[in-house]
Amino acid sequence: MRVVRHGAPSEVIEVQDVQRIALHEVGAALEDHEQRRTTGRTVVDLSLDA
């Protein structure tokens, strides 16, 4: 999982297989990654509404 804290999300999202999630979804996303239920990259977008 990659946390982006500035204007770079648009650059990261241009990469294939990117899932944008809000901060409140981080726990579930970490569980998915740990259990290998996901592929690609997960980006925590702090501008998304909770």
C-alpha atoms as a PDB file:
ATOM      1  CA  MET A   1       0.000   0.000   0.000  1.00  0.00           C
ATOM      2  CA  ARG A   2       1.244   3.477  -0.799  1.00  0.00           C
ATOM      3  CA  VAL A   3       0.204   6.604   1.065  1.00  0.00           C
ATOM      4  CA  VAL A   4       0.448   9.784  -1.011  1.00  0.00           C
ATOM      5  CA  ARG A   5       0.397  13.046   0.941  1.00  0.00           C
ATOM      6  CA  HIS A   6       0.565  15.697  -1.760  1.00  0.00           C
ATOM      7  CA  GLY A   7      -0.359  16.391  -5.384  1.00  0.00           C
ATOM      8  CA  ALA A   8       1.137  13.128  -6.659  1.00  0.00           C
ATOM      9  CA  PRO A   9      -2.013  10.936  -6.573  1.00  0.00           C
ATOM     10  CA  SER A  10      -2.794  11.773 -10.189  1.00  0.00           C
ATOM     11  CA  GLU A  11       0.668  10.548 -11.166  1.00  0.00           C
ATOM     12  CA  VAL A  12       0.259   7.308  -9.213  1.00  0.00           C
ATOM     13  CA  ILE A  13      -3.271   6.697 -10.476  1.00  0.00           C
ATOM     14  CA  GLU A  14      -2.026   6.761 -14.059  1.00  0.00           C
ATOM     15  CA  VAL A  15      -0.254   3.472 -13.275  1.00  0.00           C
ATOM     16  CA  GLN A  16      -2.321   0.392 -14.148  1.00  0.00           C
ATOM     17  CA  ASP A  17      -4.212  -1.605 -11.520  1.00  0.00           C
ATOM     18  CA  VAL A  18      -4.572   1.190  -8.970  1.00  0.00           C
ATOM     19  CA  GLN A  19      -7.335   1.083  -6.377  1.00  0.00           C
ATOM     20  CA  ARG A  20      -8.096   4.445  -4.730  1.00  0.00           C
ATOM     21  CA  ILE A  21      -9.421   4.159  -1.183  1.00  0.00           C
ATOM     22  CA  ALA A  22     -10.339   6.574   1.596  1.00  0.00           C
ATOM     23  CA  LEU A  23      -8.569   6.608   4.950  1.00  0.00           C
ATOM     24  CA  HIS A  24     -11.391   4.723   6.689  1.00  0.00           C
ATOM     25  CA  GLU A  25     -10.889   1.804   4.251  1.00  0.00           C
ATOM     26  CA  VAL A  26      -7.205   1.272   5.092  1.00  0.00           C
ATOM     27  CA  GLY A  27      -7.796  -1.510   7.635  1.00  0.00           C
ATOM     28  CA  ALA A  28      -9.795  -3.630   5.212  1.00  0.00           C
ATOM     29  CA  ALA A  29      -7.297  -2.960   2.415  1.00  0.00           C
ATOM     30  CA  LEU A  30      -4.401  -4.085   4.608  1.00  0.00           C
ATOM     31  CA  GLU A  31      -6.300  -7.262   5.458  1.00  0.00           C
ATOM     32  CA  ASP A  32      -6.955  -7.890   1.745  1.00  0.00           C
ATOM     33  CA  HIS A  33      -3.266  -7.430   0.934  1.00  0.00           C
ATOM     34  CA  GLU A  34      -2.206  -9.686   3.799  1.00  0.00           C
ATOM     35  CA  GLN A  35      -4.592 -12.428   2.658  1.00  0.00           C
ATOM     36  CA  ARG A  36      -3.511 -11.894  -0.976  1.00  0.00           C
ATOM     37  CA  ARG A  37      -7.064 -11.085  -2.092  1.00  0.00           C
ATOM     38  CA  THR A  38      -5.908  -8.141  -4.176  1.00  0.00           C
ATOM     39  CA  THR A  39      -3.453  -7.352  -6.934  1.00  0.00           C
ATOM     40  CA  GLY A  40      -1.963  -4.134  -8.180  1.00  0.00           C
ATOM     41  CA  ARG A  41      -1.500  -1.020  -6.083  1.00  0.00           C
ATOM     42  CA  THR A  42      -3.678   0.554  -3.438  1.00  0.00           C
ATOM     43  CA  VAL A  43      -3.498   4.313  -2.981  1.00  0.00           C
ATOM     44  CA  VAL A  44      -4.915   6.018   0.084  1.00  0.00           C
ATOM     45  CA  ASP A  45      -6.398   9.261  -1.225  1.00  0.00           C
ATOM     46  CA  LEU A  46      -6.753  11.601   1.748  1.00  0.00           C
ATOM     47  CA  SER A  47      -8.980  13.916  -0.285  1.00  0.00           C
ATOM     48  CA  LEU A  48     -11.765  11.305  -0.503  1.00  0.00           C
ATOM     49  CA  ASP A  49     -14.688  11.777   1.865  1.00  0.00           C
ATOM     50  CA  ALA A  50     -14.865   9.378   4.782  1.00  0.00           C
END
